[in-house]
Amino acid sequence: FALSETADRRPFDLEEVLQTPYIKDKFQEQYFVLDDLEQL
């Protein structure tokens, strides 16, 4: 699902992530994509 055309993949944005509740009982409604791992 995460790599499908259906998934909502967004550029990583700290402000948005901090305000997005997590989901435990189904696939995620959005995924955040780093430009590279060093961005961590």
Full PDB file with SEQRES, HELIX, SHEET, SSBOND, CRYST1, ORIGX, SCALE, CONECT and MASTER records, all heavy atoms in Angstrom:
SEQRES   1 A   40  PHE ALA LEU SER GLU THR ALA ASP ARG ARG PRO PHE ASP          
SEQRES   2 A   40  LEU GLU GLU VAL LEU GLN THR PRO TYR ILE LYS ASP LYS          
SEQRES   3 A   40  PHE GLN GLU GLN TYR PHE VAL LEU ASP ASP LEU GLU GLN          
SEQRES   4 A   40  LEU                                                          
HELIX    1 AA1 LEU A   14  LEU A   18  1                                   5    
HELIX    2 AA2 LEU A   37  GLN A   39  5                                   3    
SHEET    1 AA1 2 ARG A   9  PRO A  11  0                                        
SHEET    2 AA1 2 TYR A  31  VAL A  33  1                                        
CRYST1    1.000    1.000    1.000  90.00  90.00  90.00 P 1           1          
ORIGX1      1.000000  0.000000  0.000000        0.00000                         
ORIGX2      0.000000  1.000000  0.000000        0.00000                         
ORIGX3      0.000000  0.000000  1.000000        0.00000                         
SCALE1      1.000000  0.000000  0.000000        0.00000                         
SCALE2      0.000000  1.000000  0.000000        0.00000                         
SCALE3      0.000000  0.000000  1.000000        0.00000                         
ATOM      1  N   PHE A   1       0.814  -1.211   0.000  1.00  0.00           N  
ATOM      2  CA  PHE A   1       0.000   0.000   0.000  1.00  0.00           C  
ATOM      3  C   PHE A   1       0.852   1.269   0.000  1.00  0.00           C  
ATOM      4  O   PHE A   1       0.588   2.212  -0.748  1.00  0.00           O  
ATOM      5  CB  PHE A   1      -0.933   0.018   1.219  1.00  0.00           C  
ATOM      6  CG  PHE A   1      -1.783   1.253   1.285  1.00  0.00           C  
ATOM      7  CD1 PHE A   1      -2.877   1.401   0.436  1.00  0.00           C  
ATOM      8  CD2 PHE A   1      -1.483   2.278   2.164  1.00  0.00           C  
ATOM      9  CE1 PHE A   1      -3.654   2.562   0.477  1.00  0.00           C  
ATOM     10  CE2 PHE A   1      -2.238   3.436   2.211  1.00  0.00           C  
ATOM     11  CZ  PHE A   1      -3.339   3.571   1.367  1.00  0.00           C  
ATOM     12  N   ALA A   2       1.891   1.306   0.845  1.00  0.00           N  
ATOM     13  CA  ALA A   2       2.682   2.529   1.002  1.00  0.00           C  
ATOM     14  C   ALA A   2       3.337   2.981  -0.293  1.00  0.00           C  
ATOM     15  O   ALA A   2       3.561   4.181  -0.506  1.00  0.00           O  
ATOM     16  CB  ALA A   2       3.747   2.317   2.075  1.00  0.00           C  
ATOM     17  N   LEU A   3       3.647   2.030  -1.177  1.00  0.00           N  
ATOM     18  CA  LEU A   3       4.308   2.373  -2.439  1.00  0.00           C  
ATOM     19  C   LEU A   3       3.357   2.353  -3.632  1.00  0.00           C  
ATOM     20  O   LEU A   3       3.778   2.506  -4.771  1.00  0.00           O  
ATOM     21  CB  LEU A   3       5.474   1.424  -2.686  1.00  0.00           C  
ATOM     22  CG  LEU A   3       6.587   1.463  -1.626  1.00  0.00           C  
ATOM     23  CD1 LEU A   3       7.662   0.435  -1.943  1.00  0.00           C  
ATOM     24  CD2 LEU A   3       7.194   2.856  -1.510  1.00  0.00           C  
ATOM     25  N   SER A   4       2.064   2.189  -3.345  1.00  0.00           N  
ATOM     26  CA  SER A   4       1.071   2.130  -4.416  1.00  0.00           C  
ATOM     27  C   SER A   4       0.654   3.534  -4.858  1.00  0.00           C  
ATOM     28  O   SER A   4       0.962   4.528  -4.204  1.00  0.00           O  
ATOM     29  CB  SER A   4      -0.175   1.376  -3.941  1.00  0.00           C  
ATOM     30  OG  SER A   4      -0.893   2.147  -2.985  1.00  0.00           O  
ATOM     31  N   GLU A   5      -0.069   3.599  -5.960  1.00  0.00           N  
ATOM     32  CA  GLU A   5      -0.571   4.886  -6.443  1.00  0.00           C  
ATOM     33  C   GLU A   5      -1.650   5.444  -5.517  1.00  0.00           C  
ATOM     34  O   GLU A   5      -1.915   6.640  -5.533  1.00  0.00           O  
ATOM     35  CB  GLU A   5      -1.127   4.722  -7.860  1.00  0.00           C  
ATOM     36  CG  GLU A   5      -0.069   4.378  -8.901  1.00  0.00           C  
ATOM     37  CD  GLU A   5      -0.638   4.288 -10.301  1.00  0.00           C  
ATOM     38  OE1 GLU A   5      -1.866   4.518 -10.452  1.00  0.00           O  
ATOM     39  OE2 GLU A   5       0.128   4.000 -11.230  1.00  0.00           O  
ATOM     40  N   THR A   6      -2.252   4.593  -4.723  1.00  0.00           N  
ATOM     41  CA  THR A   6      -3.316   5.017  -3.814  1.00  0.00           C  
ATOM     42  C   THR A   6      -2.786   5.794  -2.618  1.00  0.00           C  
ATOM     43  O   THR A   6      -3.452   6.707  -2.112  1.00  0.00           O  
ATOM     44  CB  THR A   6      -4.099   3.787  -3.301  1.00  0.00           C  
ATOM     45  OG1 THR A   6      -4.549   3.034  -4.417  1.00  0.00           O  
ATOM     46  CG2 THR A   6      -5.283   4.202  -2.448  1.00  0.00           C  
ATOM     47  N   ALA A   7      -1.593   5.462  -2.158  1.00  0.00           N  
ATOM     48  CA  ALA A   7      -1.044   6.056  -0.937  1.00  0.00           C  
ATOM     49  C   ALA A   7      -0.751   7.544  -1.119  1.00  0.00           C  
ATOM     50  O   ALA A   7      -0.327   7.987  -2.191  1.00  0.00           O  
ATOM     51  CB  ALA A   7       0.224   5.326  -0.534  1.00  0.00           C  
ATOM     52  N   ASP A   8      -0.988   8.304  -0.058  1.00  0.00           N  
ATOM     53  CA  ASP A   8      -0.692   9.736  -0.028  1.00  0.00           C  
ATOM     54  C   ASP A   8       0.714   9.918   0.532  1.00  0.00           C  
ATOM     55  O   ASP A   8       0.932   9.823   1.737  1.00  0.00           O  
ATOM     56  CB  ASP A   8      -1.725  10.448   0.853  1.00  0.00           C  
ATOM     57  CG  ASP A   8      -1.491  11.947   0.947  1.00  0.00           C  
ATOM     58  OD1 ASP A   8      -0.582  12.461   0.261  1.00  0.00           O  
ATOM     59  OD2 ASP A   8      -2.221  12.614   1.714  1.00  0.00           O  
ATOM     60  N   ARG A   9       1.687  10.148  -0.337  1.00  0.00           N  
ATOM     61  CA  ARG A   9       3.082  10.341   0.066  1.00  0.00           C  
ATOM     62  C   ARG A   9       3.432  11.819  -0.062  1.00  0.00           C  
ATOM     63  O   ARG A   9       3.293  12.415  -1.126  1.00  0.00           O  
ATOM     64  CB  ARG A   9       4.014   9.487  -0.798  1.00  0.00           C  
ATOM     65  CG  ARG A   9       3.847   7.992  -0.583  1.00  0.00           C  
ATOM     66  CD  ARG A   9       4.862   7.187  -1.371  1.00  0.00           C  
ATOM     67  NE  ARG A   9       4.664   7.334  -2.810  1.00  0.00           N  
ATOM     68  CZ  ARG A   9       3.834   6.595  -3.534  1.00  0.00           C  
ATOM     69  NH1 ARG A   9       3.093   5.668  -2.952  1.00  0.00           N  
ATOM     70  NH2 ARG A   9       3.713   6.794  -4.833  1.00  0.00           N  
ATOM     71  N   ARG A  10       3.929  12.385   1.044  1.00  0.00           N  
ATOM     72  CA  ARG A  10       4.203  13.819   1.085  1.00  0.00           C  
ATOM     73  C   ARG A  10       5.659  14.084   1.464  1.00  0.00           C  
ATOM     74  O   ARG A  10       6.251  13.307   2.226  1.00  0.00           O  
ATOM     75  CB  ARG A  10       3.308  14.491   2.137  1.00  0.00           C  
ATOM     76  CG  ARG A  10       1.835  14.190   1.977  1.00  0.00           C  
ATOM     77  CD  ARG A  10       1.016  14.820   3.084  1.00  0.00           C  
ATOM     78  NE  ARG A  10      -0.399  14.476   2.957  1.00  0.00           N  
ATOM     79  CZ  ARG A  10      -1.359  14.950   3.747  1.00  0.00           C  
ATOM     80  NH1 ARG A  10      -1.050  15.805   4.721  1.00  0.00           N  
ATOM     81  NH2 ARG A  10      -2.619  14.584   3.575  1.00  0.00           N  
ATOM     82  N   PRO A  11       6.225  15.185   0.987  1.00  0.00           N  
ATOM     83  CA  PRO A  11       7.559  15.567   1.466  1.00  0.00           C  
ATOM     84  C   PRO A  11       7.522  15.773   2.975  1.00  0.00           C  
ATOM     85  O   PRO A  11       6.534  16.300   3.516  1.00  0.00           O  
ATOM     86  CB  PRO A  11       7.839  16.890   0.732  1.00  0.00           C  
ATOM     87  CG  PRO A  11       6.950  16.862  -0.456  1.00  0.00           C  
ATOM     88  CD  PRO A  11       5.712  16.123  -0.034  1.00  0.00           C  
ATOM     89  N   PHE A  12       8.574  15.360   3.656  1.00  0.00           N  
ATOM     90  CA  PHE A  12       8.596  15.473   5.108  1.00  0.00           C  
ATOM     91  C   PHE A  12       8.506  16.939   5.528  1.00  0.00           C  
ATOM     92  O   PHE A  12       9.243  17.796   5.043  1.00  0.00           O  
ATOM     93  CB  PHE A  12       9.865  14.857   5.690  1.00  0.00           C  
ATOM     94  CG  PHE A  12       9.871  14.836   7.188  1.00  0.00           C  
ATOM     95  CD1 PHE A  12       9.413  13.724   7.872  1.00  0.00           C  
ATOM     96  CD2 PHE A  12      10.298  15.941   7.918  1.00  0.00           C  
ATOM     97  CE1 PHE A  12       9.376  13.705   9.255  1.00  0.00           C  
ATOM     98  CE2 PHE A  12      10.277  15.932   9.299  1.00  0.00           C  
ATOM     99  CZ  PHE A  12       9.815  14.813   9.973  1.00  0.00           C  
ATOM    100  N   ASP A  13       7.587  17.222   6.453  1.00  0.00           N  
ATOM    101  CA  ASP A  13       7.420  18.554   7.005  1.00  0.00           C  
ATOM    102  C   ASP A  13       7.236  18.410   8.507  1.00  0.00           C  
ATOM    103  O   ASP A  13       6.244  17.833   8.960  1.00  0.00           O  
ATOM    104  CB  ASP A  13       6.205  19.251   6.382  1.00  0.00           C  
ATOM    105  CG  ASP A  13       6.007  20.659   6.934  1.00  0.00           C  
ATOM    106  OD1 ASP A  13       6.576  21.597   6.365  1.00  0.00           O  
ATOM    107  OD2 ASP A  13       5.283  20.795   7.948  1.00  0.00           O  
ATOM    108  N   LEU A  14       8.171  18.911   9.293  1.00  0.00           N  
ATOM    109  CA  LEU A  14       8.159  18.712  10.735  1.00  0.00           C  
ATOM    110  C   LEU A  14       6.885  19.232  11.376  1.00  0.00           C  
ATOM    111  O   LEU A  14       6.276  18.543  12.206  1.00  0.00           O  
ATOM    112  CB  LEU A  14       9.384  19.366  11.372  1.00  0.00           C  
ATOM    113  CG  LEU A  14       9.499  19.217  12.891  1.00  0.00           C  
ATOM    114  CD1 LEU A  14       9.566  17.746  13.298  1.00  0.00           C  
ATOM    115  CD2 LEU A  14      10.730  19.977  13.405  1.00  0.00           C  
ATOM    116  N   GLU A  15       6.463  20.433  11.009  1.00  0.00           N  
ATOM    117  CA  GLU A  15       5.265  21.006  11.620  1.00  0.00           C  
ATOM    118  C   GLU A  15       4.039  20.133  11.365  1.00  0.00           C  
ATOM    119  O   GLU A  15       3.232  19.887  12.258  1.00  0.00           O  
ATOM    120  CB  GLU A  15       5.029  22.423  11.079  1.00  0.00           C  
ATOM    121  CG  GLU A  15       6.065  23.445  11.489  1.00  0.00           C  
ATOM    122  CD  GLU A  15       6.009  23.757  12.984  1.00  0.00           C  
ATOM    123  OE1 GLU A  15       4.956  23.513  13.605  1.00  0.00           O  
ATOM    124  OE2 GLU A  15       7.024  24.238  13.521  1.00  0.00           O  
ATOM    125  N   GLU A  16       3.913  19.652  10.143  1.00  0.00           N  
ATOM    126  CA  GLU A  16       2.766  18.816   9.809  1.00  0.00           C  
ATOM    127  C   GLU A  16       2.820  17.489  10.555  1.00  0.00           C  
ATOM    128  O   GLU A  16       1.798  17.008  11.084  1.00  0.00           O  
ATOM    129  CB  GLU A  16       2.717  18.564   8.299  1.00  0.00           C  
ATOM    130  CG  GLU A  16       1.489  17.776   7.869  1.00  0.00           C  
ATOM    131  CD  GLU A  16       1.404  17.564   6.372  1.00  0.00           C  
ATOM    132  OE1 GLU A  16       2.326  18.000   5.643  1.00  0.00           O  
ATOM    133  OE2 GLU A  16       0.419  16.933   5.929  1.00  0.00           O  
ATOM    134  N   VAL A  17       4.000  16.886  10.624  1.00  0.00           N  
ATOM    135  CA  VAL A  17       4.143  15.610  11.317  1.00  0.00           C  
ATOM    136  C   VAL A  17       3.762  15.732  12.787  1.00  0.00           C  
ATOM    137  O   VAL A  17       3.046  14.884  13.340  1.00  0.00           O  
ATOM    138  CB  VAL A  17       5.584  15.081  11.170  1.00  0.00           C  
ATOM    139  CG1 VAL A  17       5.839  13.915  12.123  1.00  0.00           C  
ATOM    140  CG2 VAL A  17       5.844  14.658   9.733  1.00  0.00           C  
ATOM    141  N   LEU A  18       4.226  16.784  13.443  1.00  0.00           N  
ATOM    142  CA  LEU A  18       3.961  16.950  14.871  1.00  0.00           C  
ATOM    143  C   LEU A  18       2.482  17.123  15.174  1.00  0.00           C  
ATOM    144  O   LEU A  18       2.040  16.881  16.306  1.00  0.00           O  
ATOM    145  CB  LEU A  18       4.737  18.153  15.413  1.00  0.00           C  
ATOM    146  CG  LEU A  18       6.265  18.035  15.396  1.00  0.00           C  
ATOM    147  CD1 LEU A  18       6.896  19.309  15.918  1.00  0.00           C  
ATOM    148  CD2 LEU A  18       6.743  16.831  16.200  1.00  0.00           C  
ATOM    149  N   GLN A  19       1.719  17.502  14.170  1.00  0.00           N  
ATOM    150  CA  GLN A  19       0.285  17.720  14.383  1.00  0.00           C  
ATOM    151  C   GLN A  19      -0.582  16.610  13.789  1.00  0.00           C  
ATOM    152  O   GLN A  19      -1.809  16.702  13.825  1.00  0.00           O  
ATOM    153  CB  GLN A  19      -0.116  19.066  13.782  1.00  0.00           C  
ATOM    154  CG  GLN A  19       0.563  20.247  14.476  1.00  0.00           C  
ATOM    155  CD  GLN A  19       0.155  21.578  13.893  1.00  0.00           C  
ATOM    156  OE1 GLN A  19      -1.017  21.812  13.616  1.00  0.00           O  
ATOM    157  NE2 GLN A  19       1.125  22.467  13.708  1.00  0.00           N  
ATOM    158  N   THR A  20       0.044  15.565  13.275  1.00  0.00           N  
ATOM    159  CA  THR A  20      -0.707  14.489  12.632  1.00  0.00           C  
ATOM    160  C   THR A  20      -0.829  13.293  13.569  1.00  0.00           C  
ATOM    161  O   THR A  20       0.174  12.631  13.858  1.00  0.00           O  
ATOM    162  CB  THR A  20      -0.019  14.049  11.324  1.00  0.00           C  
ATOM    163  OG1 THR A  20       0.123  15.190  10.455  1.00  0.00           O  
ATOM    164  CG2 THR A  20      -0.848  12.979  10.630  1.00  0.00           C  
ATOM    165  N   PRO A  21      -2.027  12.986  14.082  1.00  0.00           N  
ATOM    166  CA  PRO A  21      -2.190  11.813  14.963  1.00  0.00           C  
ATOM    167  C   PRO A  21      -1.817  10.532  14.235  1.00  0.00           C  
ATOM    168  O   PRO A  21      -1.973  10.418  13.021  1.00  0.00           O  
ATOM    169  CB  PRO A  21      -3.692  11.828  15.295  1.00  0.00           C  
ATOM    170  CG  PRO A  21      -4.128  13.240  15.041  1.00  0.00           C  
ATOM    171  CD  PRO A  21      -3.283  13.722  13.897  1.00  0.00           C  
ATOM    172  N   TYR A  22      -1.296   9.565  14.977  1.00  0.00           N  
ATOM    173  CA  TYR A  22      -0.933   8.312  14.326  1.00  0.00           C  
ATOM    174  C   TYR A  22      -2.110   7.345  14.293  1.00  0.00           C  
ATOM    175  O   TYR A  22      -3.059   7.456  15.058  1.00  0.00           O  
ATOM    176  CB  TYR A  22       0.298   7.661  14.946  1.00  0.00           C  
ATOM    177  CG  TYR A  22       0.448   7.746  16.440  1.00  0.00           C  
ATOM    178  CD1 TYR A  22      -0.248   6.906  17.282  1.00  0.00           C  
ATOM    179  CD2 TYR A  22       1.337   8.667  16.999  1.00  0.00           C  
ATOM    180  CE1 TYR A  22      -0.077   6.968  18.655  1.00  0.00           C  
ATOM    181  CE2 TYR A  22       1.516   8.738  18.366  1.00  0.00           C  
ATOM    182  CZ  TYR A  22       0.796   7.889  19.192  1.00  0.00           C  
ATOM    183  OH  TYR A  22       0.962   7.958  20.553  1.00  0.00           O  
ATOM    184  N   ILE A  23      -2.030   6.411  13.375  1.00  0.00           N  
ATOM    185  CA  ILE A  23      -3.105   5.454  13.117  1.00  0.00           C  
ATOM    186  C   ILE A  23      -2.573   4.051  13.389  1.00  0.00           C  
ATOM    187  O   ILE A  23      -1.545   3.650  12.851  1.00  0.00           O  
ATOM    188  CB  ILE A  23      -3.582   5.556  11.652  1.00  0.00           C  
ATOM    189  CG1 ILE A  23      -4.163   6.943  11.401  1.00  0.00           C  
ATOM    190  CG2 ILE A  23      -4.594   4.470  11.327  1.00  0.00           C  
ATOM    191  CD1 ILE A  23      -4.445   7.221   9.946  1.00  0.00           C  
ATOM    192  N   LYS A  24      -3.306   3.288  14.221  1.00  0.00           N  
ATOM    193  CA  LYS A  24      -2.830   1.956  14.602  1.00  0.00           C  
ATOM    194  C   LYS A  24      -3.663   0.815  14.026  1.00  0.00           C  
ATOM    195  O   LYS A  24      -3.221  -0.322  14.047  1.00  0.00           O  
ATOM    196  CB  LYS A  24      -2.799   1.829  16.130  1.00  0.00           C  
ATOM    197  CG  LYS A  24      -1.786   2.736  16.807  1.00  0.00           C  
ATOM    198  CD  LYS A  24      -1.747   2.470  18.302  1.00  0.00           C  
ATOM    199  CE  LYS A  24      -0.679   3.315  18.977  1.00  0.00           C  
ATOM    200  NZ  LYS A  24      -0.623   3.060  20.446  1.00  0.00           N  
ATOM    201  N   ASP A  25      -4.872   1.114  13.554  1.00  0.00           N  
ATOM    202  CA  ASP A  25      -5.782   0.021  13.192  1.00  0.00           C  
ATOM    203  C   ASP A  25      -6.044  -0.101  11.693  1.00  0.00           C  
ATOM    204  O   ASP A  25      -6.909  -0.859  11.270  1.00  0.00           O  
ATOM    205  CB  ASP A  25      -7.109   0.179  13.939  1.00  0.00           C  
ATOM    206  CG  ASP A  25      -7.788   1.505  13.650  1.00  0.00           C  
ATOM    207  OD1 ASP A  25      -7.167   2.369  12.987  1.00  0.00           O  
ATOM    208  OD2 ASP A  25      -8.930   1.693  14.090  1.00  0.00           O  
ATOM    209  N   LYS A  26      -5.287   0.652  10.882  1.00  0.00           N  
ATOM    210  CA  LYS A  26      -5.427   0.545   9.430  1.00  0.00           C  
ATOM    211  C   LYS A  26      -4.186   1.143   8.785  1.00  0.00           C  
ATOM    212  O   LYS A  26      -3.308   1.677   9.474  1.00  0.00           O  
ATOM    213  CB  LYS A  26      -6.687   1.263   8.945  1.00  0.00           C  
ATOM    214  CG  LYS A  26      -6.731   2.745   9.295  1.00  0.00           C  
ATOM    215  CD  LYS A  26      -8.029   3.390   8.814  1.00  0.00           C  
ATOM    216  CE  LYS A  26      -8.065   4.872   9.173  1.00  0.00           C  
ATOM    217  NZ  LYS A  26      -9.304   5.526   8.711  1.00  0.00           N  
ATOM    218  N   PHE A  27      -4.107   1.065   7.459  1.00  0.00           N  
ATOM    219  CA  PHE A  27      -2.976   1.670   6.764  1.00  0.00           C  
ATOM    220  C   PHE A  27      -2.961   3.170   7.024  1.00  0.00           C  
ATOM    221  O   PHE A  27      -4.001   3.799   7.242  1.00  0.00           O  
ATOM    222  CB  PHE A  27      -3.065   1.419   5.263  1.00  0.00           C  
ATOM    223  CG  PHE A  27      -2.944  -0.033   4.879  1.00  0.00           C  
ATOM    224  CD1 PHE A  27      -3.561  -0.512   3.735  1.00  0.00           C  
ATOM    225  CD2 PHE A  27      -2.208  -0.922   5.640  1.00  0.00           C  
ATOM    226  CE1 PHE A  27      -3.450  -1.845   3.357  1.00  0.00           C  
ATOM    227  CE2 PHE A  27      -2.081  -2.262   5.287  1.00  0.00           C  
ATOM    228  CZ  PHE A  27      -2.717  -2.718   4.135  1.00  0.00           C  
ATOM    229  N   GLN A  28      -1.780   3.753   6.965  1.00  0.00           N  
ATOM    230  CA  GLN A  28      -1.639   5.176   7.233  1.00  0.00           C  
ATOM    231  C   GLN A  28      -2.323   6.018   6.156  1.00  0.00           C  
ATOM    232  O   GLN A  28      -2.336   5.659   4.975  1.00  0.00           O  
ATOM    233  CB  GLN A  28      -0.157   5.552   7.304  1.00  0.00           C  
ATOM    234  CG  GLN A  28       0.620   4.770   8.349  1.00  0.00           C  
ATOM    235  CD  GLN A  28       0.042   4.900   9.744  1.00  0.00           C  
ATOM    236  OE1 GLN A  28      -0.045   6.001  10.295  1.00  0.00           O  
ATOM    237  NE2 GLN A  28      -0.371   3.775  10.315  1.00  0.00           N  
ATOM    238  N   GLU A  29      -2.909   7.136   6.583  1.00  0.00           N  
ATOM    239  CA  GLU A  29      -3.581   8.027   5.638  1.00  0.00           C  
ATOM    240  C   GLU A  29      -2.584   8.896   4.887  1.00  0.00           C  
ATOM    241  O   GLU A  29      -2.909   9.454   3.833  1.00  0.00           O  
ATOM    242  CB  GLU A  29      -4.594   8.894   6.374  1.00  0.00           C  
ATOM    243  CG  GLU A  29      -5.756   8.080   6.933  1.00  0.00           C  
ATOM    244  CD  GLU A  29      -6.771   8.924   7.675  1.00  0.00           C  
ATOM    245  OE1 GLU A  29      -6.543  10.156   7.823  1.00  0.00           O  
ATOM    246  OE2 GLU A  29      -7.787   8.369   8.124  1.00  0.00           O  
ATOM    247  N   GLN A  30      -1.372   9.027   5.423  1.00  0.00           N  
ATOM    248  CA  GLN A  30      -0.318   9.744   4.732  1.00  0.00           C  
ATOM    249  C   GLN A  30       1.032   9.206   5.186  1.00  0.00           C  
ATOM    250  O   GLN A  30       1.181   8.719   6.302  1.00  0.00           O  
ATOM    251  CB  GLN A  30      -0.382  11.256   4.953  1.00  0.00           C  
ATOM    252  CG  GLN A  30      -0.261  11.688   6.403  1.00  0.00           C  
ATOM    253  CD  GLN A  30      -1.558  11.593   7.148  1.00  0.00           C  
ATOM    254  OE1 GLN A  30      -2.564  12.163   6.718  1.00  0.00           O  
ATOM    255  NE2 GLN A  30      -1.565  10.891   8.271  1.00  0.00           N  
ATOM    256  N   TYR A  31       1.995   9.288   4.288  1.00  0.00           N  
ATOM    257  CA  TYR A  31       3.369   8.895   4.582  1.00  0.00           C  
ATOM    258  C   TYR A  31       4.259  10.094   4.267  1.00  0.00           C  
ATOM    259  O   TYR A  31       4.024  10.821   3.287  1.00  0.00           O  
ATOM    260  CB  TYR A  31       3.797   7.702   3.727  1.00  0.00           C  
ATOM    261  CG  TYR A  31       2.951   6.470   3.924  1.00  0.00           C  
ATOM    262  CD1 TYR A  31       1.797   6.273   3.163  1.00  0.00           C  
ATOM    263  CD2 TYR A  31       3.294   5.504   4.865  1.00  0.00           C  
ATOM    264  CE1 TYR A  31       1.015   5.144   3.342  1.00  0.00           C  
ATOM    265  CE2 TYR A  31       2.509   4.364   5.048  1.00  0.00           C  
ATOM    266  CZ  TYR A  31       1.373   4.198   4.284  1.00  0.00           C  
ATOM    267  OH  TYR A  31       0.585   3.087   4.474  1.00  0.00           O  
ATOM    268  N   PHE A  32       5.288  10.286   5.069  1.00  0.00           N  
ATOM    269  CA  PHE A  32       6.182  11.421   4.884  1.00  0.00           C  
ATOM    270  C   PHE A  32       7.534  10.925   4.373  1.00  0.00           C  
ATOM    271  O   PHE A  32       8.122  10.002   4.944  1.00  0.00           O  
ATOM    272  CB  PHE A  32       6.333  12.187   6.195  1.00  0.00           C  
ATOM    273  CG  PHE A  32       5.037  12.812   6.653  1.00  0.00           C  
ATOM    274  CD1 PHE A  32       4.199  12.143   7.533  1.00  0.00           C  
ATOM    275  CD2 PHE A  32       4.641  14.053   6.168  1.00  0.00           C  
ATOM    276  CE1 PHE A  32       2.992  12.700   7.950  1.00  0.00           C  
ATOM    277  CE2 PHE A  32       3.436  14.631   6.576  1.00  0.00           C  
ATOM    278  CZ  PHE A  32       2.611  13.941   7.468  1.00  0.00           C  
ATOM    279  N   VAL A  33       8.010  11.554   3.308  1.00  0.00           N  
ATOM    280  CA  VAL A  33       9.186  11.072   2.584  1.00  0.00           C  
ATOM    281  C   VAL A  33      10.375  11.996   2.833  1.00  0.00           C  
ATOM    282  O   VAL A  33      10.309  13.202   2.548  1.00  0.00           O  
ATOM    283  CB  VAL A  33       8.901  10.994   1.064  1.00  0.00           C  
ATOM    284  CG1 VAL A  33      10.097  10.378   0.342  1.00  0.00           C  
ATOM    285  CG2 VAL A  33       7.628  10.200   0.797  1.00  0.00           C  
ATOM    286  N   LEU A  34      11.469  11.432   3.356  1.00  0.00           N  
ATOM    287  CA  LEU A  34      12.703  12.192   3.532  1.00  0.00           C  
ATOM    288  C   LEU A  34      13.413  12.368   2.197  1.00  0.00           C  
ATOM    289  O   LEU A  34      13.334  11.506   1.319  1.00  0.00           O  
ATOM    290  CB  LEU A  34      13.647  11.458   4.486  1.00  0.00           C  
ATOM    291  CG  LEU A  34      13.178  11.186   5.913  1.00  0.00           C  
ATOM    292  CD1 LEU A  34      14.238  10.373   6.648  1.00  0.00           C  
ATOM    293  CD2 LEU A  34      12.873  12.467   6.647  1.00  0.00           C  
ATOM    294  N   ASP A  35      14.148  13.472   2.056  1.00  0.00           N  
ATOM    295  CA  ASP A  35      14.976  13.667   0.860  1.00  0.00           C  
ATOM    296  C   ASP A  35      16.153  12.695   0.859  1.00  0.00           C  
ATOM    297  O   ASP A  35      16.598  12.246  -0.203  1.00  0.00           O  
ATOM    298  CB  ASP A  35      15.495  15.104   0.807  1.00  0.00           C  
ATOM    299  CG  ASP A  35      14.379  16.097   0.527  1.00  0.00           C  
ATOM    300  OD1 ASP A  35      13.397  15.716  -0.148  1.00  0.00           O  
ATOM    301  OD2 ASP A  35      14.477  17.245   0.994  1.00  0.00           O  
ATOM    302  N   ASP A  36      16.688  12.402   2.014  1.00  0.00           N  
ATOM    303  CA  ASP A  36      17.705  11.374   2.220  1.00  0.00           C  
ATOM    304  C   ASP A  36      17.736  11.066   3.703  1.00  0.00           C  
ATOM    305  O   ASP A  36      17.184  11.801   4.521  1.00  0.00           O  
ATOM    306  CB  ASP A  36      19.088  11.816   1.717  1.00  0.00           C  
ATOM    307  CG  ASP A  36      19.566  13.099   2.383  1.00  0.00           C  
ATOM    308  OD1 ASP A  36      19.762  13.094   3.617  1.00  0.00           O  
ATOM    309  OD2 ASP A  36      19.726  14.101   1.681  1.00  0.00           O  
ATOM    310  N   LEU A  37      18.372   9.978   4.084  1.00  0.00           N  
ATOM    311  CA  LEU A  37      18.328   9.550   5.480  1.00  0.00           C  
ATOM    312  C   LEU A  37      19.025  10.546   6.405  1.00  0.00           C  
ATOM    313  O   LEU A  37      18.626  10.709   7.567  1.00  0.00           O  
ATOM    314  CB  LEU A  37      18.944   8.157   5.629  1.00  0.00           C  
ATOM    315  CG  LEU A  37      18.437   7.381   6.848  1.00  0.00           C  
ATOM    316  CD1 LEU A  37      16.964   7.016   6.689  1.00  0.00           C  
ATOM    317  CD2 LEU A  37      19.277   6.136   7.072  1.00  0.00           C  
ATOM    318  N   GLU A  38      20.044  11.209   5.897  1.00  0.00           N  
ATOM    319  CA  GLU A  38      20.765  12.184   6.711  1.00  0.00           C  
ATOM    320  C   GLU A  38      19.861  13.316   7.191  1.00  0.00           C  
ATOM    321  O   GLU A  38      20.194  14.021   8.154  1.00  0.00           O  
ATOM    322  CB  GLU A  38      21.950  12.753   5.927  1.00  0.00           C  
ATOM    323  CG  GLU A  38      23.083  11.775   5.693  1.00  0.00           C  
ATOM    324  CD  GLU A  38      23.891  11.491   6.949  1.00  0.00           C  
ATOM    325  OE1 GLU A  38      23.878  12.334   7.863  1.00  0.00           O  
ATOM    326  OE2 GLU A  38      24.524  10.428   6.993  1.00  0.00           O  
ATOM    327  N   GLN A  39      18.728  13.492   6.562  1.00  0.00           N  
ATOM    328  CA  GLN A  39      17.776  14.515   6.991  1.00  0.00           C  
ATOM    329  C   GLN A  39      17.318  14.279   8.429  1.00  0.00           C  
ATOM    330  O   GLN A  39      16.903  15.219   9.114  1.00  0.00           O  
ATOM    331  CB  GLN A  39      16.569  14.549   6.046  1.00  0.00           C  
ATOM    332  CG  GLN A  39      15.633  15.733   6.258  1.00  0.00           C  
ATOM    333  CD  GLN A  39      14.480  15.734   5.261  1.00  0.00           C  
ATOM    334  OE1 GLN A  39      14.446  14.938   4.315  1.00  0.00           O  
ATOM    335  NE2 GLN A  39      13.529  16.622   5.464  1.00  0.00           N  
ATOM    336  N   LEU A  40      17.393  13.040   8.890  1.00  0.00           N  
ATOM    337  CA  LEU A  40      17.014  12.746  10.275  1.00  0.00           C  
ATOM    338  C   LEU A  40      17.838  13.569  11.262  1.00  0.00           C  
ATOM    339  O   LEU A  40      17.337  13.977  12.315  1.00  0.00           O  
ATOM    340  CB  LEU A  40      17.177  11.257  10.570  1.00  0.00           C  
ATOM    341  CG  LEU A  40      16.175  10.311   9.897  1.00  0.00           C  
ATOM    342  CD1 LEU A  40      16.569   8.860  10.168  1.00  0.00           C  
ATOM    343  CD2 LEU A  40      14.756  10.582  10.360  1.00  0.00           C  
TER     344      LEU A  40                                                      
MASTER        0    0    0    2    2    0    0    6  343    1    0    4          
END                                                                             
